[in-house]
């Protein structure tokens, strides 16, 4: 009986070890790497928000793309961009399918409960695009809080959360991508679009002849950073050390200004 019990315990232990080495996910906060190749930095991106991150001639481009490639060089790791829908970014990171999210993500307390954020690399906030004839109507933040007009947002972004929390009378329409939200404004299906300031500035400059302009007030002040699994403290420290060097030698400011000239 004792030998049978010892054998059973050995089999259970061996089975657990096999599951662990196969990369089974944990329900705790420990990072589990899925199909991780040594020396690879898997960067989660949603390339639909120029100039922050987008596709140009089939290639990933924009501020975040430049910063990701530079970060890979600094860390001595090959960068692999993992394209995901925006609403899958957090799950992919926590499940170990990506190592870092570099896709114009702003820091929020809700997100902090699931991921660790690096030091911020850029200040920003929410702004709105409106039709030129409506610009005077939206000269201050209070006008957005009290409006009953139609607002287009990208789902599960800070713009979406702002509209839901503060624009109680507005008729909100949420779209999967910022491009779809912008097209709704262009097509007259919405009276405004709310998104991150860099994206709003870019869309207004790109489409300057359409009669769509940036509303003057900044609705919020936010900071953009990169998300990392909370169980990967070493990677977090390495990335923050690179950011410190870039801030000290001007590399970060030059890169941001090249893509977002109006960034603070």
C-alpha atoms as a PDB file:
ATOM      1  CA  UNK A   1       0.000   0.000   0.000  1.00  0.00           C
ATOM      2  CA  UNK A   2       2.775   2.469   0.942  1.00  0.00           C
ATOM      3  CA  UNK A   3       4.697   1.760  -2.276  1.00  0.00           C
ATOM      4  CA  UNK A   4       1.488   2.278  -4.315  1.00  0.00           C
ATOM      5  CA  UNK A   5       0.867   5.597  -2.560  1.00  0.00           C
ATOM      6  CA  UNK A   6       4.413   6.746  -3.235  1.00  0.00           C
ATOM      7  CA  UNK A   7       4.019   5.750  -6.889  1.00  0.00           C
ATOM      8  CA  UNK A   8       0.757   7.697  -7.129  1.00  0.00           C
ATOM      9  CA  UNK A   9       2.369  10.781  -5.642  1.00  0.00           C
ATOM     10  CA  UNK A  10       5.254  10.492  -8.081  1.00  0.00           C
ATOM     11  CA  UNK A  11       2.870  10.291 -11.048  1.00  0.00           C
ATOM     12  CA  UNK A  12       0.919  13.327  -9.856  1.00  0.00           C
ATOM     13  CA  UNK A  13       4.137  15.298  -9.385  1.00  0.00           C
ATOM     14  CA  UNK A  14       5.410  14.277 -12.813  1.00  0.00           C
ATOM     15  CA  UNK A  15       2.117  15.289 -14.402  1.00  0.00           C
ATOM     16  CA  UNK A  16       2.214  18.696 -12.739  1.00  0.00           C
ATOM     17  CA  UNK A  17       5.800  19.210 -13.903  1.00  0.00           C
ATOM     18  CA  UNK A  18       4.852  18.312 -17.468  1.00  0.00           C
ATOM     19  CA  UNK A  19       1.970  20.787 -17.425  1.00  0.00           C
ATOM     20  CA  UNK A  20       4.219  23.516 -16.051  1.00  0.00           C
ATOM     21  CA  UNK A  21       6.924  23.021 -18.667  1.00  0.00           C
ATOM     22  CA  UNK A  22       4.269  22.983 -21.406  1.00  0.00           C
ATOM     23  CA  UNK A  23       3.422  26.573 -20.533  1.00  0.00           C
ATOM     24  CA  UNK A  24       0.023  26.232 -18.860  1.00  0.00           C
ATOM     25  CA  UNK A  25      -1.437  29.562 -17.764  1.00  0.00           C
ATOM     26  CA  UNK A  26      -1.608  30.458 -14.116  1.00  0.00           C
ATOM     27  CA  UNK A  27      -4.544  32.139 -12.469  1.00  0.00           C
ATOM     28  CA  UNK A  28      -2.150  34.203 -10.326  1.00  0.00           C
ATOM     29  CA  UNK A  29       0.046  37.187 -11.141  1.00  0.00           C
ATOM     30  CA  UNK A  30       3.067  35.155 -12.275  1.00  0.00           C
ATOM     31  CA  UNK A  31       4.000  35.823 -15.890  1.00  0.00           C
ATOM     32  CA  UNK A  32       3.660  32.811 -18.196  1.00  0.00           C
ATOM     33  CA  UNK A  33       5.382  33.125 -21.555  1.00  0.00           C
ATOM     34  CA  UNK A  34       3.542  31.507 -24.455  1.00  0.00           C
ATOM     35  CA  UNK A  35       5.691  30.380 -27.417  1.00  0.00           C
ATOM     36  CA  UNK A  36       8.433  32.743 -26.308  1.00  0.00           C
ATOM     37  CA  UNK A  37      11.587  32.563 -28.425  1.00  0.00           C
ATOM     38  CA  UNK A  38      14.758  33.672 -26.603  1.00  0.00           C
ATOM     39  CA  UNK A  39      15.769  37.206 -27.534  1.00  0.00           C
ATOM     40  CA  UNK A  40      12.337  38.110 -28.913  1.00  0.00           C
ATOM     41  CA  UNK A  41      10.345  41.137 -27.750  1.00  0.00           C
ATOM     42  CA  UNK A  42       6.697  40.673 -28.696  1.00  0.00           C
ATOM     43  CA  UNK A  43       5.060  44.086 -28.961  1.00  0.00           C
ATOM     44  CA  UNK A  44       1.274  44.308 -28.949  1.00  0.00           C
ATOM     45  CA  UNK A  45      -0.032  46.960 -31.357  1.00  0.00           C
ATOM     46  CA  UNK A  46      -3.351  48.060 -32.812  1.00  0.00           C
ATOM     47  CA  UNK A  47      -2.147  49.899 -35.932  1.00  0.00           C
ATOM     48  CA  UNK A  48      -5.169  52.077 -36.639  1.00  0.00           C
ATOM     49  CA  UNK A  49      -4.294  55.358 -34.914  1.00  0.00           C
ATOM     50  CA  UNK A  50      -1.897  57.547 -36.902  1.00  0.00           C
ATOM     51  CA  UNK A  51       0.508  59.121 -36.111  1.00  0.00           C
ATOM     52  CA  UNK A  52       0.912  57.036 -32.956  1.00  0.00           C
ATOM     53  CA  UNK A  53       0.677  53.580 -34.554  1.00  0.00           C
ATOM     54  CA  UNK A  54      -0.619  52.654 -38.001  1.00  0.00           C
ATOM     55  CA  UNK A  55       0.240  50.890 -41.246  1.00  0.00           C
ATOM     56  CA  UNK A  56       2.028  52.567 -44.117  1.00  0.00           C
ATOM     57  CA  UNK A  57       2.536  50.590 -47.322  1.00  0.00           C
ATOM     58  CA  UNK A  58       1.837  47.429 -45.376  1.00  0.00           C
ATOM     59  CA  UNK A  59       4.438  48.155 -42.686  1.00  0.00           C
ATOM     60  CA  UNK A  60       3.909  49.111 -39.043  1.00  0.00           C
ATOM     61  CA  UNK A  61       4.765  52.816 -38.702  1.00  0.00           C
ATOM     62  CA  UNK A  62       4.348  55.756 -36.359  1.00  0.00           C
ATOM     63  CA  UNK A  63       5.678  57.022 -33.057  1.00  0.00           C
ATOM     64  CA  UNK A  64       5.200  53.752 -31.194  1.00  0.00           C
ATOM     65  CA  UNK A  65       6.772  51.748 -34.027  1.00  0.00           C
ATOM     66  CA  UNK A  66       9.929  53.890 -33.946  1.00  0.00           C
ATOM     67  CA  UNK A  67      10.116  53.680 -30.162  1.00  0.00           C
ATOM     68  CA  UNK A  68       9.579  49.908 -30.206  1.00  0.00           C
ATOM     69  CA  UNK A  69      12.368  49.328 -32.717  1.00  0.00           C
ATOM     70  CA  UNK A  70      14.700  51.597 -30.769  1.00  0.00           C
ATOM     71  CA  UNK A  71      13.787  49.802 -27.537  1.00  0.00           C
ATOM     72  CA  UNK A  72      14.590  46.443 -29.124  1.00  0.00           C
ATOM     73  CA  UNK A  73      18.039  47.722 -30.099  1.00  0.00           C
ATOM     74  CA  UNK A  74      18.662  49.024 -26.587  1.00  0.00           C
ATOM     75  CA  UNK A  75      17.666  45.692 -25.024  1.00  0.00           C
ATOM     76  CA  UNK A  76      19.429  43.590 -27.645  1.00  0.00           C
ATOM     77  CA  UNK A  77      16.182  41.871 -28.581  1.00  0.00           C
ATOM     78  CA  UNK A  78      14.436  41.292 -31.900  1.00  0.00           C
ATOM     79  CA  UNK A  79      11.101  43.120 -32.093  1.00  0.00           C
ATOM     80  CA  UNK A  80       8.063  41.226 -33.317  1.00  0.00           C
ATOM     81  CA  UNK A  81       4.891  43.276 -33.737  1.00  0.00           C
ATOM     82  CA  UNK A  82       1.759  41.374 -32.729  1.00  0.00           C
ATOM     83  CA  UNK A  83      -1.293  42.977 -34.344  1.00  0.00           C
ATOM     84  CA  UNK A  84      -4.402  42.710 -32.205  1.00  0.00           C
ATOM     85  CA  UNK A  85      -7.803  44.374 -31.911  1.00  0.00           C
ATOM     86  CA  UNK A  86      -7.656  47.090 -29.261  1.00  0.00           C
ATOM     87  CA  UNK A  87     -10.043  45.275 -26.928  1.00  0.00           C
ATOM     88  CA  UNK A  88      -7.764  42.186 -26.948  1.00  0.00           C
ATOM     89  CA  UNK A  89      -4.564  43.977 -25.927  1.00  0.00           C
ATOM     90  CA  UNK A  90      -4.943  43.585 -22.165  1.00  0.00           C
ATOM     91  CA  UNK A  91      -5.930  39.913 -22.371  1.00  0.00           C
ATOM     92  CA  UNK A  92      -3.036  39.098 -24.712  1.00  0.00           C
ATOM     93  CA  UNK A  93      -0.586  40.678 -22.276  1.00  0.00           C
ATOM     94  CA  UNK A  94      -1.934  39.033 -19.138  1.00  0.00           C
ATOM     95  CA  UNK A  95      -2.147  35.642 -20.894  1.00  0.00           C
ATOM     96  CA  UNK A  96       1.476  35.846 -22.036  1.00  0.00           C
ATOM     97  CA  UNK A  97       0.842  36.228 -25.770  1.00  0.00           C
ATOM     98  CA  UNK A  98       2.725  39.541 -25.821  1.00  0.00           C
ATOM     99  CA  UNK A  99       5.513  41.019 -23.705  1.00  0.00           C
ATOM    100  CA  UNK A 100       4.625  44.703 -23.854  1.00  0.00           C
ATOM    101  CA  UNK A 101       1.829  46.897 -25.239  1.00  0.00           C
ATOM    102  CA  UNK A 102       3.129  49.897 -27.207  1.00  0.00           C
ATOM    103  CA  UNK A 103      -0.005  51.242 -28.839  1.00  0.00           C
ATOM    104  CA  UNK A 104      -0.890  54.674 -27.484  1.00  0.00           C
ATOM    105  CA  UNK A 105      -2.219  53.336 -24.188  1.00  0.00           C
ATOM    106  CA  UNK A 106      -2.975  55.913 -21.520  1.00  0.00           C
ATOM    107  CA  UNK A 107      -2.487  55.201 -17.839  1.00  0.00           C
ATOM    108  CA  UNK A 108      -5.689  54.655 -15.850  1.00  0.00           C
ATOM    109  CA  UNK A 109      -6.378  53.246 -12.412  1.00  0.00           C
ATOM    110  CA  UNK A 110      -8.577  50.543 -13.914  1.00  0.00           C
ATOM    111  CA  UNK A 111      -5.777  49.340 -16.172  1.00  0.00           C
ATOM    112  CA  UNK A 112      -3.282  49.494 -13.287  1.00  0.00           C
ATOM    113  CA  UNK A 113      -5.250  46.752 -11.566  1.00  0.00           C
ATOM    114  CA  UNK A 114      -4.333  44.333 -14.376  1.00  0.00           C
ATOM    115  CA  UNK A 115      -0.922  45.460 -15.672  1.00  0.00           C
ATOM    116  CA  UNK A 116       2.209  47.330 -14.668  1.00  0.00           C
ATOM    117  CA  UNK A 117       2.938  50.575 -16.488  1.00  0.00           C
ATOM    118  CA  UNK A 118       6.342  51.934 -17.391  1.00  0.00           C
ATOM    119  CA  UNK A 119       7.181  55.541 -16.666  1.00  0.00           C
ATOM    120  CA  UNK A 120       5.174  57.840 -18.980  1.00  0.00           C
ATOM    121  CA  UNK A 121       6.784  58.795 -22.281  1.00  0.00           C
ATOM    122  CA  UNK A 122       4.332  61.524 -23.368  1.00  0.00           C
ATOM    123  CA  UNK A 123       1.622  63.777 -21.933  1.00  0.00           C
ATOM    124  CA  UNK A 124      -1.652  64.130 -23.735  1.00  0.00           C
ATOM    125  CA  UNK A 125      -5.336  63.871 -23.052  1.00  0.00           C
ATOM    126  CA  UNK A 126      -8.693  63.736 -24.753  1.00  0.00           C
ATOM    127  CA  UNK A 127      -9.807  66.209 -27.397  1.00  0.00           C
ATOM    128  CA  UNK A 128     -12.693  66.340 -29.829  1.00  0.00           C
ATOM    129  CA  UNK A 129     -13.190  66.801 -33.524  1.00  0.00           C
ATOM    130  CA  UNK A 130     -16.307  68.749 -34.536  1.00  0.00           C
ATOM    131  CA  UNK A 131     -17.661  70.364 -37.650  1.00  0.00           C
ATOM    132  CA  UNK A 132     -16.400  73.893 -38.192  1.00  0.00           C
ATOM    133  CA  UNK A 133     -19.872  75.408 -37.850  1.00  0.00           C
ATOM    134  CA  UNK A 134     -20.208  73.822 -34.390  1.00  0.00           C
ATOM    135  CA  UNK A 135     -16.794  74.887 -33.062  1.00  0.00           C
ATOM    136  CA  UNK A 136     -18.043  77.958 -31.162  1.00  0.00           C
ATOM    137  CA  UNK A 137     -20.689  75.831 -29.458  1.00  0.00           C
ATOM    138  CA  UNK A 138     -17.945  73.662 -27.959  1.00  0.00           C
ATOM    139  CA  UNK A 139     -15.581  76.344 -26.729  1.00  0.00           C
ATOM    140  CA  UNK A 140     -15.354  74.893 -23.202  1.00  0.00           C
ATOM    141  CA  UNK A 141     -15.425  71.488 -21.487  1.00  0.00           C
ATOM    142  CA  UNK A 142     -18.835  72.184 -19.895  1.00  0.00           C
ATOM    143  CA  UNK A 143     -20.438  72.180 -23.339  1.00  0.00           C
ATOM    144  CA  UNK A 144     -19.414  68.555 -23.829  1.00  0.00           C
ATOM    145  CA  UNK A 145     -20.771  67.482 -20.450  1.00  0.00           C
ATOM    146  CA  UNK A 146     -24.198  68.983 -21.129  1.00  0.00           C
ATOM    147  CA  UNK A 147     -24.621  68.280 -24.844  1.00  0.00           C
ATOM    148  CA  UNK A 148     -27.318  65.963 -26.162  1.00  0.00           C
ATOM    149  CA  UNK A 149     -25.653  65.614 -29.558  1.00  0.00           C
ATOM    150  CA  UNK A 150     -24.214  62.469 -31.121  1.00  0.00           C
ATOM    151  CA  UNK A 151     -20.699  61.453 -30.096  1.00  0.00           C
ATOM    152  CA  UNK A 152     -18.540  58.845 -31.851  1.00  0.00           C
ATOM    153  CA  UNK A 153     -15.852  56.990 -29.890  1.00  0.00           C
ATOM    154  CA  UNK A 154     -13.635  53.951 -30.241  1.00  0.00           C
ATOM    155  CA  UNK A 155     -14.839  51.222 -27.934  1.00  0.00           C
ATOM    156  CA  UNK A 156     -12.981  50.584 -24.656  1.00  0.00           C
ATOM    157  CA  UNK A 157     -10.778  53.661 -24.960  1.00  0.00           C
ATOM    158  CA  UNK A 158     -10.534  56.536 -22.509  1.00  0.00           C
ATOM    159  CA  UNK A 159     -12.664  58.552 -24.926  1.00  0.00           C
ATOM    160  CA  UNK A 160     -15.359  55.912 -24.649  1.00  0.00           C
ATOM    161  CA  UNK A 161     -15.122  55.905 -20.839  1.00  0.00           C
ATOM    162  CA  UNK A 162     -15.301  59.713 -20.759  1.00  0.00           C
ATOM    163  CA  UNK A 163     -18.445  59.764 -22.883  1.00  0.00           C
ATOM    164  CA  UNK A 164     -20.129  57.127 -20.742  1.00  0.00           C
ATOM    165  CA  UNK A 165     -19.213  58.751 -17.424  1.00  0.00           C
ATOM    166  CA  UNK A 166     -19.651  62.457 -18.133  1.00  0.00           C
ATOM    167  CA  UNK A 167     -21.751  62.889 -21.280  1.00  0.00           C
ATOM    168  CA  UNK A 168     -24.977  61.476 -19.888  1.00  0.00           C
ATOM    169  CA  UNK A 169     -27.280  63.280 -22.326  1.00  0.00           C
ATOM    170  CA  UNK A 170     -25.194  62.599 -25.444  1.00  0.00           C
ATOM    171  CA  UNK A 171     -26.122  59.876 -27.905  1.00  0.00           C
ATOM    172  CA  UNK A 172     -23.019  57.697 -27.921  1.00  0.00           C
ATOM    173  CA  UNK A 173     -21.958  55.403 -30.771  1.00  0.00           C
ATOM    174  CA  UNK A 174     -18.951  53.135 -30.170  1.00  0.00           C
ATOM    175  CA  UNK A 175     -16.883  51.743 -33.057  1.00  0.00           C
ATOM    176  CA  UNK A 176     -14.207  49.064 -33.193  1.00  0.00           C
ATOM    177  CA  UNK A 177     -11.590  51.411 -34.669  1.00  0.00           C
ATOM    178  CA  UNK A 178     -10.831  55.128 -34.580  1.00  0.00           C
ATOM    179  CA  UNK A 179     -11.079  55.162 -38.383  1.00  0.00           C
ATOM    180  CA  UNK A 180     -14.696  53.999 -38.216  1.00  0.00           C
ATOM    181  CA  UNK A 181     -15.490  56.619 -35.578  1.00  0.00           C
ATOM    182  CA  UNK A 182     -13.924  59.336 -37.738  1.00  0.00           C
ATOM    183  CA  UNK A 183     -15.823  58.169 -40.810  1.00  0.00           C
ATOM    184  CA  UNK A 184     -19.064  58.414 -38.818  1.00  0.00           C
ATOM    185  CA  UNK A 185     -18.287  62.084 -38.154  1.00  0.00           C
ATOM    186  CA  UNK A 186     -17.399  62.666 -41.808  1.00  0.00           C
ATOM    187  CA  UNK A 187     -20.606  60.997 -42.988  1.00  0.00           C
ATOM    188  CA  UNK A 188     -22.814  63.056 -40.676  1.00  0.00           C
ATOM    189  CA  UNK A 189     -23.680  60.095 -38.451  1.00  0.00           C
ATOM    190  CA  UNK A 190     -22.082  61.859 -35.474  1.00  0.00           C
ATOM    191  CA  UNK A 191     -21.632  65.481 -34.398  1.00  0.00           C
ATOM    192  CA  UNK A 192     -18.252  64.964 -32.721  1.00  0.00           C
ATOM    193  CA  UNK A 193     -15.549  62.389 -32.218  1.00  0.00           C
ATOM    194  CA  UNK A 194     -13.529  62.098 -29.003  1.00  0.00           C
ATOM    195  CA  UNK A 195     -10.097  60.495 -28.929  1.00  0.00           C
ATOM    196  CA  UNK A 196      -6.501  61.002 -27.796  1.00  0.00           C
ATOM    197  CA  UNK A 197      -5.045  64.410 -28.666  1.00  0.00           C
ATOM    198  CA  UNK A 198      -2.244  63.154 -30.986  1.00  0.00           C
ATOM    199  CA  UNK A 199      -4.731  61.218 -33.104  1.00  0.00           C
ATOM    200  CA  UNK A 200      -7.186  64.130 -33.170  1.00  0.00           C
ATOM    201  CA  UNK A 201      -4.472  66.569 -34.277  1.00  0.00           C
ATOM    202  CA  UNK A 202      -3.331  64.205 -37.006  1.00  0.00           C
ATOM    203  CA  UNK A 203      -6.821  63.570 -38.379  1.00  0.00           C
ATOM    204  CA  UNK A 204      -7.639  67.281 -38.442  1.00  0.00           C
ATOM    205  CA  UNK A 205      -4.403  68.121 -40.296  1.00  0.00           C
ATOM    206  CA  UNK A 206      -4.855  65.279 -42.765  1.00  0.00           C
ATOM    207  CA  UNK A 207      -8.446  66.227 -43.545  1.00  0.00           C
ATOM    208  CA  UNK A 208      -8.169  70.021 -43.309  1.00  0.00           C
ATOM    209  CA  UNK A 209     -10.417  70.701 -46.307  1.00  0.00           C
ATOM    210  CA  UNK A 210     -13.404  68.732 -44.974  1.00  0.00           C
ATOM    211  CA  UNK A 211     -14.685  71.362 -42.549  1.00  0.00           C
ATOM    212  CA  UNK A 212     -13.800  69.210 -39.524  1.00  0.00           C
ATOM    213  CA  UNK A 213     -11.732  70.987 -36.866  1.00  0.00           C
ATOM    214  CA  UNK A 214     -10.298  70.409 -33.408  1.00  0.00           C
ATOM    215  CA  UNK A 215     -12.469  71.783 -30.615  1.00  0.00           C
ATOM    216  CA  UNK A 216     -10.425  74.149 -28.443  1.00  0.00           C
ATOM    217  CA  UNK A 217     -10.690  72.655 -24.956  1.00  0.00           C
ATOM    218  CA  UNK A 218      -8.687  69.667 -23.794  1.00  0.00           C
ATOM    219  CA  UNK A 219     -11.164  67.452 -21.992  1.00  0.00           C
ATOM    220  CA  UNK A 220      -8.661  65.561 -19.837  1.00  0.00           C
ATOM    221  CA  UNK A 221      -4.964  65.405 -19.050  1.00  0.00           C
ATOM    222  CA  UNK A 222      -3.515  61.932 -19.508  1.00  0.00           C
ATOM    223  CA  UNK A 223      -0.134  60.261 -19.697  1.00  0.00           C
ATOM    224  CA  UNK A 224       0.856  57.590 -22.179  1.00  0.00           C
ATOM    225  CA  UNK A 225       2.993  54.644 -21.118  1.00  0.00           C
ATOM    226  CA  UNK A 226       3.670  51.026 -22.030  1.00  0.00           C
ATOM    227  CA  UNK A 227       1.959  48.119 -20.321  1.00  0.00           C
ATOM    228  CA  UNK A 228       3.881  45.078 -19.068  1.00  0.00           C
ATOM    229  CA  UNK A 229       2.732  41.988 -17.180  1.00  0.00           C
ATOM    230  CA  UNK A 230       2.954  42.757 -13.439  1.00  0.00           C
ATOM    231  CA  UNK A 231       4.943  39.556 -12.908  1.00  0.00           C
ATOM    232  CA  UNK A 232       7.779  40.706 -15.157  1.00  0.00           C
ATOM    233  CA  UNK A 233       9.562  43.174 -12.924  1.00  0.00           C
ATOM    234  CA  UNK A 234      12.927  42.704 -14.604  1.00  0.00           C
ATOM    235  CA  UNK A 235      11.596  43.735 -18.018  1.00  0.00           C
ATOM    236  CA  UNK A 236       9.826  46.708 -16.417  1.00  0.00           C
ATOM    237  CA  UNK A 237      13.093  47.860 -14.813  1.00  0.00           C
ATOM    238  CA  UNK A 238      15.021  47.421 -18.072  1.00  0.00           C
ATOM    239  CA  UNK A 239      12.502  49.463 -20.064  1.00  0.00           C
ATOM    240  CA  UNK A 240      12.386  52.239 -17.456  1.00  0.00           C
ATOM    241  CA  UNK A 241      16.188  52.413 -17.503  1.00  0.00           C
ATOM    242  CA  UNK A 242      16.078  52.928 -21.288  1.00  0.00           C
ATOM    243  CA  UNK A 243      13.438  55.642 -20.892  1.00  0.00           C
ATOM    244  CA  UNK A 244      15.619  57.407 -18.314  1.00  0.00           C
ATOM    245  CA  UNK A 245      18.535  57.456 -20.769  1.00  0.00           C
ATOM    246  CA  UNK A 246      16.331  58.688 -23.602  1.00  0.00           C
ATOM    247  CA  UNK A 247      14.902  61.480 -21.472  1.00  0.00           C
ATOM    248  CA  UNK A 248      18.381  62.546 -20.379  1.00  0.00           C
ATOM    249  CA  UNK A 249      19.966  62.599 -23.846  1.00  0.00           C
ATOM    250  CA  UNK A 250      16.963  64.042 -25.716  1.00  0.00           C
ATOM    251  CA  UNK A 251      16.225  60.946 -27.804  1.00  0.00           C
ATOM    252  CA  UNK A 252      12.674  60.626 -26.503  1.00  0.00           C
ATOM    253  CA  UNK A 253      11.751  64.279 -27.047  1.00  0.00           C
ATOM    254  CA  UNK A 254      13.150  64.281 -30.583  1.00  0.00           C
ATOM    255  CA  UNK A 255      11.234  61.128 -31.521  1.00  0.00           C
ATOM    256  CA  UNK A 256       7.946  62.388 -30.061  1.00  0.00           C
ATOM    257  CA  UNK A 257       8.269  65.798 -31.720  1.00  0.00           C
ATOM    258  CA  UNK A 258       8.980  64.209 -35.102  1.00  0.00           C
ATOM    259  CA  UNK A 259       5.606  62.447 -35.034  1.00  0.00           C
ATOM    260  CA  UNK A 260       3.513  64.688 -32.772  1.00  0.00           C
ATOM    261  CA  UNK A 261       4.792  68.266 -33.171  1.00  0.00           C
ATOM    262  CA  UNK A 262       2.039  69.673 -30.934  1.00  0.00           C
ATOM    263  CA  UNK A 263       2.738  67.293 -28.038  1.00  0.00           C
ATOM    264  CA  UNK A 264       3.591  68.926 -24.743  1.00  0.00           C
END
